């Protein structure tokens, strides 16, 4: 048994008041250590499986992030290309609008020129008009020439004006077509932009998830490290306990603990109010109380003998001494093999050293009346895996 566990037993024994001795933990703790070992191994295995799952999720998330990176790159390239196309269309629209403005200006200039010529021919507020120019001709040939020249000039201006108007109509149609293309291209750019933003949003969310998974994996690894450290400590404890058991040289058969005298108080339920309540697995009436009317339990047997009588080890084992003036008083706990522990209470003095290996029947101390005691006697207990058992079943009473 390791010393911290024995110190706990001593502490429990020492704080027991004179009114009621408490039950110390008396098992040699090997079975508890082995149970802790199994639990820690299970915890480590569970953490290992959980870590593998989390790391698998990390890898899957990273693969998705890598795929999204490629998709984002393609989407951004497409977005840039579509924006360039939109800029080209906007440039074409600007050029078409400049061309249209120029055509409108040329149309207005030609229209003004035509009007000016017409006014010049008819000379408003003057004495000469178109008819004067015609009838003022000196010959028929001159008359025809004048008429043809005036007609050609007017016709030429009208045709040029019509061409300008046709060009303007073509430019207006082109401008309308380009505006439609601009709207369609702007919608395409917006859609690709939305798609790119959505991909970035997914990437951000996956990044958050990846960070959470990384943190969870780190936490599991820390748990594993703590569990491994605890397992190493438990393994060392088990090794020490098994080594102590190997030194115990227990026979497995208990002998009378030396003191010769009558049994003044037996094992089990009692009406003595100074005893503790029943331990797990036992029941006394009335339940839930500990008074002179019942409900108390004596975890060993009391053997009365002359003060200073020799007390012997009931079997071989490792003995630990606990001096004290309360509870069990001066007492010895001996750890035996196979989960057995014996306790010898109310001793006047010890005949062995603390942690000493003792043989069956070896003198370990002397009867007294220390601690919670009404007179010289030996309080003798046998416990199996920390549970009190009736000593009479092992030593004969």
Protein backbone atom coordinates (compact mmCIF):
# COMPACT_ATOMS: atom_id res chain seq x y z
CA UNK A 1 0.00 0.00 0.00
CA UNK A 2 1.34 3.46 -0.81
CA UNK A 3 1.97 5.94 1.96
CA UNK A 4 -0.57 8.60 0.79
CA UNK A 5 -3.34 6.04 1.09
CA UNK A 6 -2.13 4.99 4.54
CA UNK A 7 -1.94 8.62 5.57
CA UNK A 8 -5.57 8.95 4.58
CA UNK A 9 -6.41 5.97 6.79
CA UNK A 10 -4.50 7.52 9.66
CA UNK A 11 -6.26 10.84 9.18
CA UNK A 12 -9.67 9.18 9.21
CA UNK A 13 -8.71 7.29 12.37
CA UNK A 14 -7.29 10.34 14.15
CA UNK A 15 -10.28 12.58 13.55
CA UNK A 16 -12.69 10.01 14.93
CA UNK A 17 -14.17 11.55 18.12
CA UNK A 18 -14.45 9.87 21.48
CA UNK A 19 -18.20 9.66 21.04
CA UNK A 20 -18.14 7.51 17.89
CA UNK A 21 -15.24 5.84 16.02
CA UNK A 22 -15.60 6.06 12.26
CA UNK A 23 -14.91 3.34 9.71
CA UNK A 24 -11.50 3.84 8.03
CA UNK A 25 -10.77 2.77 4.47
CA UNK A 26 -8.96 -0.53 5.05
CA UNK A 27 -8.56 -2.22 1.68
CA UNK A 28 -5.04 -2.55 0.34
CA UNK A 29 -6.23 -0.44 -2.64
CA UNK A 30 -4.92 -2.81 -5.32
CA UNK A 31 -8.38 -3.61 -6.63
CA UNK A 32 -9.21 0.12 -6.67
CA UNK A 33 -5.96 0.89 -8.50
CA UNK A 34 -6.67 -1.86 -11.02
CA UNK A 35 -10.18 -0.48 -11.52
CA UNK A 36 -8.66 2.98 -12.08
CA UNK A 37 -6.21 1.43 -14.51
CA UNK A 38 -9.02 -0.16 -16.52
CA UNK A 39 -10.99 3.08 -16.47
CA UNK A 40 -8.00 5.11 -17.61
CA UNK A 41 -7.26 2.62 -20.40
CA UNK A 42 -10.88 2.89 -21.52
CA UNK A 43 -10.67 6.69 -21.35
CA UNK A 44 -7.46 6.72 -23.40
CA UNK A 45 -8.99 4.37 -25.98
CA UNK A 46 -12.14 6.52 -26.16
CA UNK A 47 -10.09 9.71 -26.49
CA UNK A 48 -7.97 8.08 -29.21
CA UNK A 49 -11.09 7.16 -31.17
CA UNK A 50 -12.57 10.63 -30.66
CA UNK A 51 -9.30 12.26 -31.71
CA UNK A 52 -9.23 10.16 -34.88
CA UNK A 53 -12.80 11.27 -35.66
CA UNK A 54 -11.99 14.94 -35.08
CA UNK A 55 -8.80 14.72 -37.12
CA UNK A 56 -10.78 13.03 -39.88
CA UNK A 57 -13.26 15.92 -39.79
CA UNK A 58 -10.32 18.33 -39.89
CA UNK A 59 -8.95 16.62 -43.00
CA UNK A 60 -12.39 16.60 -44.66
CA UNK A 61 -12.90 20.28 -43.82
CA UNK A 62 -9.47 21.16 -45.20
CA UNK A 63 -10.26 19.30 -48.42
CA UNK A 64 -13.50 21.27 -48.76
CA UNK A 65 -11.61 24.51 -48.10
CA UNK A 66 -9.07 23.60 -50.79
CA UNK A 67 -11.90 22.92 -53.25
CA UNK A 68 -13.54 26.23 -52.34
CA UNK A 69 -10.22 27.99 -52.89
CA UNK A 70 -10.14 26.66 -56.45
CA UNK A 71 -13.79 27.60 -57.00
CA UNK A 72 -13.21 31.09 -55.62
CA UNK A 73 -10.20 31.53 -57.89
CA UNK A 74 -12.25 30.52 -60.95
CA UNK A 75 -15.17 32.70 -59.89
CA UNK A 76 -12.93 35.72 -59.35
CA UNK A 77 -11.26 35.19 -62.74
CA UNK A 78 -14.66 34.94 -64.41
CA UNK A 79 -15.85 38.01 -62.52
CA UNK A 80 -12.84 40.00 -63.70
CA UNK A 81 -13.44 38.89 -67.31
CA UNK A 82 -17.13 39.79 -67.15
CA UNK A 83 -16.31 43.18 -65.62
CA UNK A 84 -13.88 43.80 -68.48
CA UNK A 85 -16.62 42.89 -70.96
CA UNK A 86 -19.02 45.23 -69.18
CA UNK A 87 -16.44 48.02 -69.32
CA UNK A 88 -16.08 47.42 -73.08
CA UNK A 89 -19.85 47.68 -73.55
CA UNK A 90 -19.94 50.85 -71.48
CA UNK A 91 -17.16 52.25 -73.65
CA UNK A 92 -19.13 51.37 -76.78
CA UNK A 93 -22.19 53.07 -75.32
CA UNK A 94 -20.16 56.20 -74.60
CA UNK A 95 -18.84 56.20 -78.16
CA UNK A 96 -22.32 55.62 -79.61
CA UNK A 97 -23.70 58.48 -77.53
CA UNK A 98 -20.91 60.76 -78.75
CA UNK A 99 -21.60 59.69 -82.36
CA UNK A 100 -25.33 60.29 -81.88
CA UNK A 101 -24.68 63.74 -80.45
CA UNK A 102 -22.44 64.51 -83.42
CA UNK A 103 -25.09 63.33 -85.88
CA UNK A 104 -27.74 65.38 -84.15
CA UNK A 105 -25.50 68.42 -84.30
CA UNK A 106 -24.76 67.80 -88.01
CA UNK A 107 -28.47 67.32 -88.70
CA UNK A 108 -29.28 70.61 -87.03
CA UNK A 109 -26.49 72.37 -88.94
CA UNK A 110 -27.69 70.92 -92.29
CA UNK A 111 -31.26 71.81 -91.50
CA UNK A 112 -30.25 75.36 -90.69
CA UNK A 113 -28.22 75.55 -93.93
CA UNK A 114 -31.16 74.28 -95.94
CA UNK A 115 -33.47 76.77 -94.32
CA UNK A 116 -31.00 79.57 -94.96
CA UNK A 117 -30.75 78.67 -98.61
CA UNK A 118 -34.46 78.50 -99.00
CA UNK A 119 -34.80 81.90 -97.40
CA UNK A 120 -32.08 83.19 -99.70
CA UNK A 121 -33.94 81.97 -102.71
CA UNK A 122 -37.18 83.60 -101.77
CA UNK A 123 -35.70 86.75 -100.17
CA UNK A 124 -38.14 87.58 -97.49
CA UNK A 125 -38.95 91.33 -97.19
CA UNK A 126 -37.06 91.96 -100.43
CA UNK A 127 -38.08 92.85 -103.94
CA UNK A 128 -36.65 89.71 -105.59
CA UNK A 129 -38.08 86.20 -105.17
CA UNK A 130 -37.79 82.78 -106.75
CA UNK A 131 -40.19 83.74 -109.58
CA UNK A 132 -38.20 86.87 -110.33
CA UNK A 133 -35.08 84.76 -110.63
CA UNK A 134 -36.88 82.43 -113.00
CA UNK A 135 -38.62 85.00 -115.13
CA UNK A 136 -35.65 87.27 -115.17
CA UNK A 137 -33.80 84.85 -117.37
CA UNK A 138 -32.77 86.32 -120.72
CA UNK A 139 -33.34 83.10 -122.59
CA UNK A 140 -35.07 79.80 -122.22
CA UNK A 141 -31.75 78.07 -121.85
CA UNK A 142 -30.78 80.38 -118.99
CA UNK A 143 -34.18 79.77 -117.48
CA UNK A 144 -33.66 76.01 -117.55
CA UNK A 145 -30.16 76.30 -116.13
CA UNK A 146 -31.32 78.47 -113.24
CA UNK A 147 -34.16 76.10 -112.43
CA UNK A 148 -31.93 73.00 -112.56
CA UNK A 149 -29.27 74.59 -110.33
CA UNK A 150 -31.81 75.62 -107.71
CA UNK A 151 -33.42 72.19 -107.80
CA UNK A 152 -30.12 70.34 -107.51
CA UNK A 153 -28.99 72.45 -104.58
CA UNK A 154 -32.22 71.90 -102.75
CA UNK A 155 -32.27 68.20 -103.61
CA UNK A 156 -28.69 67.72 -102.47
CA UNK A 157 -29.39 69.33 -99.10
CA UNK A 158 -32.51 67.25 -98.65
CA UNK A 159 -30.70 64.00 -99.48
CA UNK A 160 -27.83 64.86 -97.13
CA UNK A 161 -30.31 65.66 -94.40
CA UNK A 162 -32.08 62.35 -94.98
CA UNK A 163 -28.79 60.46 -94.77
CA UNK A 164 -27.95 62.19 -91.52
CA UNK A 165 -31.35 61.26 -90.15
CA UNK A 166 -30.85 57.64 -91.22
CA UNK A 167 -27.40 57.57 -89.59
CA UNK A 168 -28.90 59.00 -86.43
CA UNK A 169 -31.61 56.31 -86.43
CA UNK A 170 -28.95 53.59 -86.83
CA UNK A 171 -26.91 55.04 -83.95
CA UNK A 172 -30.00 55.29 -81.76
CA UNK A 173 -30.84 51.64 -82.50
CA UNK A 174 -27.22 50.65 -81.71
CA UNK A 175 -27.35 52.66 -78.51
CA UNK A 176 -30.55 50.89 -77.45
CA UNK A 177 -29.00 47.49 -78.24
CA UNK A 178 -25.88 48.37 -76.28
CA UNK A 179 -27.99 49.52 -73.32
CA UNK A 180 -29.75 46.15 -73.36
CA UNK A 181 -26.38 44.38 -73.48
CA UNK A 182 -25.14 46.60 -70.67
CA UNK A 183 -28.10 45.62 -68.48
CA UNK A 184 -27.64 41.93 -69.25
CA UNK A 185 -23.90 42.12 -68.61
CA UNK A 186 -24.40 44.03 -65.36
CA UNK A 187 -26.82 41.32 -64.21
CA UNK A 188 -24.21 38.68 -65.10
CA UNK A 189 -21.56 40.55 -63.13
CA UNK A 190 -23.89 40.85 -60.14
CA UNK A 191 -24.71 37.13 -60.25
CA UNK A 192 -21.06 36.13 -60.44
CA UNK A 193 -20.26 38.61 -57.68
CA UNK A 194 -22.99 37.10 -55.49
CA UNK A 195 -21.67 33.63 -56.23
CA UNK A 196 -18.14 34.73 -55.32
CA UNK A 197 -19.37 36.32 -52.09
CA UNK A 198 -21.25 33.12 -51.22
CA UNK A 199 -18.11 31.05 -51.82
CA UNK A 200 -16.13 33.42 -49.59
CA UNK A 201 -18.83 33.06 -46.92
CA UNK A 202 -18.64 29.28 -47.10
CA UNK A 203 -14.87 29.45 -46.84
CA UNK A 204 -15.12 31.68 -43.77
CA UNK A 205 -17.57 29.29 -42.10
CA UNK A 206 -15.33 26.33 -42.87
CA UNK A 207 -12.40 28.27 -41.44
CA UNK A 208 -14.33 28.78 -38.20
CA UNK A 209 -15.23 25.09 -38.13
CA UNK A 210 -11.61 24.15 -38.82
CA UNK A 211 -10.44 26.32 -35.91
CA UNK A 212 -13.03 24.70 -33.62
CA UNK A 213 -11.96 21.22 -34.70
CA UNK A 214 -8.31 22.11 -34.18
CA UNK A 215 -9.10 23.41 -30.69
CA UNK A 216 -11.12 20.28 -29.92
CA UNK A 217 -8.29 18.05 -31.15
CA UNK A 218 -5.80 19.96 -28.98
CA UNK A 219 -8.11 19.59 -25.98
CA UNK A 220 -8.44 15.84 -26.58
CA UNK A 221 -4.67 15.54 -26.89
CA UNK A 222 -4.26 17.35 -23.58
CA UNK A 223 -6.80 14.97 -22.03
CA UNK A 224 -4.80 12.08 -23.45
CA UNK A 225 -1.60 13.45 -21.96
CA UNK A 226 -3.25 13.85 -18.56
CA UNK A 227 -4.76 10.36 -18.79
CA UNK A 228 -1.40 8.91 -19.82
CA UNK A 229 0.28 10.63 -16.87
CA UNK A 230 -2.45 9.38 -14.53
CA UNK A 231 -2.12 5.88 -16.01
CA UNK A 232 1.63 5.96 -15.46
CA UNK A 233 1.02 6.92 -11.82
CA UNK A 234 -1.58 4.17 -11.40
CA UNK A 235 0.74 1.64 -13.03
CA UNK A 236 3.46 2.66 -10.60
CA UNK A 237 0.99 2.38 -7.72
CA UNK A 238 -0.09 -1.08 -8.85
CA UNK A 239 3.52 -2.15 -9.16
CA UNK A 240 4.20 -0.89 -5.64
CA UNK A 241 1.09 -2.59 -4.26
CA UNK A 242 1.93 -5.85 -5.98
CA UNK A 243 5.46 -5.58 -4.63
CA UNK A 244 4.03 -5.02 -1.14
CA UNK A 245 1.78 -8.04 -1.56
CA UNK A 246 4.76 -10.09 -2.64
CA UNK A 247 6.43 -9.14 0.64
CA UNK A 248 3.34 -9.96 2.68
CA UNK A 249 3.86 -13.73 2.67
CA UNK A 250 0.25 -14.27 3.70
CA UNK A 251 -0.99 -17.81 4.20
CA UNK A 252 -4.61 -16.93 3.52
CA UNK A 253 -5.61 -18.59 6.81
CA UNK A 254 -6.11 -16.35 9.85
CA UNK A 255 -5.10 -17.27 13.42
CA UNK A 256 -6.34 -15.94 16.74
CA UNK A 257 -4.75 -12.46 17.33
CA UNK A 258 -2.94 -13.49 20.57
CA UNK A 259 -5.00 -11.90 23.36
CA UNK A 260 -6.68 -14.56 25.44
CA UNK A 261 -9.99 -13.58 26.94
CA UNK A 262 -13.75 -13.41 26.35
CA UNK A 263 -15.40 -11.62 23.47
CA UNK A 264 -17.15 -8.68 25.11
CA UNK A 265 -18.76 -7.35 21.93
CA UNK A 266 -19.38 -9.30 18.78
CA UNK A 267 -19.57 -8.40 15.10
CA UNK A 268 -22.72 -6.84 13.65
CA UNK A 269 -25.75 -4.87 14.78
CA UNK A 270 -25.63 -3.54 18.32
CA UNK A 271 -27.63 -1.37 20.68
CA UNK A 272 -24.50 0.48 21.78
CA UNK A 273 -25.02 4.05 20.60
CA UNK A 274 -21.32 4.82 20.30
CA UNK A 275 -20.94 2.63 17.20
CA UNK A 276 -21.38 3.85 13.61
CA UNK A 277 -24.31 3.07 11.30
CA UNK A 278 -24.23 -0.19 9.29
CA UNK A 279 -21.77 -0.29 6.36
CA UNK A 280 -23.02 -1.00 2.83
CA UNK A 281 -24.46 -4.50 2.54
CA UNK A 282 -25.72 -4.63 6.14
CA UNK A 283 -28.98 -3.49 7.68
CA UNK A 284 -29.96 -2.89 11.30
CA UNK A 285 -33.29 -1.87 12.84
CA UNK A 286 -34.45 0.79 13.05
CA UNK A 287 -32.89 2.00 9.79
CA UNK A 288 -31.37 5.45 9.55
CA UNK A 289 -30.71 5.85 13.30
CA UNK A 290 -27.87 5.08 15.65
CA UNK A 291 -29.08 5.08 19.26
CA UNK A 292 -29.71 2.78 22.21
CA UNK A 293 -32.82 1.53 20.42
CA UNK A 294 -30.72 -0.04 17.65
CA UNK A 295 -29.45 0.87 14.17
CA UNK A 296 -25.73 0.75 15.06
CA UNK A 297 -23.03 -1.62 13.83
CA UNK A 298 -19.82 -3.04 15.32
CA UNK A 299 -17.33 -3.76 12.54
CA UNK A 300 -15.15 -6.20 14.50
CA UNK A 301 -14.93 -8.13 17.75
CA UNK A 302 -13.71 -6.91 21.15
CA UNK A 303 -11.50 -9.35 23.08
CA UNK A 304 -10.96 -8.55 26.76
CA UNK A 305 -7.69 -9.63 28.40
CA UNK A 306 -5.22 -8.44 30.97
CA UNK A 307 -3.71 -5.03 30.27
CA UNK A 308 -0.47 -5.41 28.34
CA UNK A 309 -1.34 -8.80 26.89
CA UNK A 310 0.58 -9.71 23.74
CA UNK A 311 -1.17 -9.04 20.43
CA UNK A 312 -0.12 -11.22 17.48
CA UNK A 313 -0.56 -10.86 13.71
CA UNK A 314 -3.43 -13.01 12.48
CA UNK A 315 -1.50 -13.67 9.25
CA UNK A 316 1.63 -12.54 7.45
CA UNK A 317 1.62 -9.14 5.75
CA UNK A 318 2.91 -5.57 5.81
CA UNK A 319 2.15 -3.76 9.07
CA UNK A 320 1.58 -0.02 9.47
CA UNK A 321 1.45 1.67 12.87
CA UNK A 322 -0.87 4.59 13.74
CA UNK A 323 -0.48 6.24 17.15
CA UNK A 324 -3.49 8.15 18.43
CA UNK A 325 -5.71 9.08 21.38
CA UNK A 326 -9.12 9.07 19.66
CA UNK A 327 -11.13 6.57 17.70
CA UNK A 328 -9.12 3.36 17.46
CA UNK A 329 -6.33 4.89 19.56
CA UNK A 330 -2.95 3.28 18.95
CA UNK A 331 -3.69 0.78 16.20
CA UNK A 332 -1.99 -1.36 13.60
CA UNK A 333 -3.24 -2.11 10.09
CA UNK A 334 -1.77 -5.14 8.34
CA UNK A 335 -2.18 -5.58 4.59
CA UNK A 336 -2.41 -9.22 3.51
CA UNK A 337 -2.71 -10.89 0.13
CA UNK A 338 -5.91 -11.27 -1.87
CA UNK A 339 -7.48 -8.01 -0.65
CA UNK A 340 -7.54 -8.86 3.07
CA UNK A 341 -6.67 -6.31 5.75
CA UNK A 342 -6.70 -6.72 9.55
CA UNK A 343 -6.91 -3.99 12.16
CA UNK A 344 -5.83 -4.12 15.80
CA UNK A 345 -7.16 -1.24 17.92
CA UNK A 346 -6.75 0.39 21.37
CA UNK A 347 -3.17 -0.91 21.81
CA UNK A 348 -1.01 0.38 24.64
CA UNK A 349 2.17 0.25 22.55
CA UNK A 350 3.70 -1.21 19.38
CA UNK A 351 6.23 -4.04 19.04
CA UNK A 352 7.01 -3.44 15.35
CA UNK A 353 8.09 -0.62 13.09
CA UNK A 354 5.92 1.18 10.54
CA UNK A 355 5.85 -0.57 7.14
CA UNK A 356 7.52 -3.68 8.52
CA UNK A 357 6.83 -7.11 7.09
CA UNK A 358 5.44 -9.47 9.75
CA UNK A 359 4.83 -13.18 9.84
CA UNK A 360 1.77 -15.05 11.01
CA UNK A 361 1.61 -15.14 14.83
CA UNK A 362 4.36 -12.51 15.23
CA UNK A 363 4.01 -10.15 18.19
CA UNK A 364 3.00 -6.68 16.93
CA UNK A 365 2.02 -4.88 20.17
CA UNK A 366 0.29 -4.96 23.53
CA UNK A 367 -3.28 -4.63 24.69
CA UNK A 368 -4.37 -1.31 26.10
CA UNK A 369 -7.29 1.12 26.30
CA UNK A 370 -6.28 4.04 24.06
CA UNK A 371 -8.77 5.97 21.95
CA UNK A 372 -12.51 5.43 22.32
CA UNK A 373 -12.41 2.61 24.87
CA UNK A 374 -14.20 1.76 28.11
CA UNK A 375 -11.41 -0.53 29.36
CA UNK A 376 -8.48 -2.71 28.27
CA UNK A 377 -9.38 -4.82 25.23
CA UNK A 378 -8.36 -5.57 21.65
CA UNK A 379 -10.64 -4.38 18.87
CA UNK A 380 -9.95 -6.84 16.01
CA UNK A 381 -11.28 -6.41 12.45
CA UNK A 382 -10.95 -8.31 9.21
CA UNK A 383 -11.86 -6.55 5.99
CA UNK A 384 -12.06 -7.95 2.48
CA UNK A 385 -11.83 -5.41 -0.34
CA UNK A 386 -12.61 -2.62 2.14
CA UNK A 387 -15.78 -4.31 3.42
CA UNK A 388 -15.94 -5.56 7.04
CA UNK A 389 -16.47 -9.30 7.48
CA UNK A 390 -17.12 -11.32 10.64
CA UNK A 391 -13.75 -12.29 12.15
CA UNK A 392 -15.32 -15.36 13.78
CA UNK A 393 -15.81 -16.84 10.32
CA UNK A 394 -12.02 -16.75 9.84
CA UNK A 395 -10.44 -17.27 13.29
CA UNK A 396 -13.16 -19.24 15.11
CA UNK A 397 -14.81 -17.78 18.19
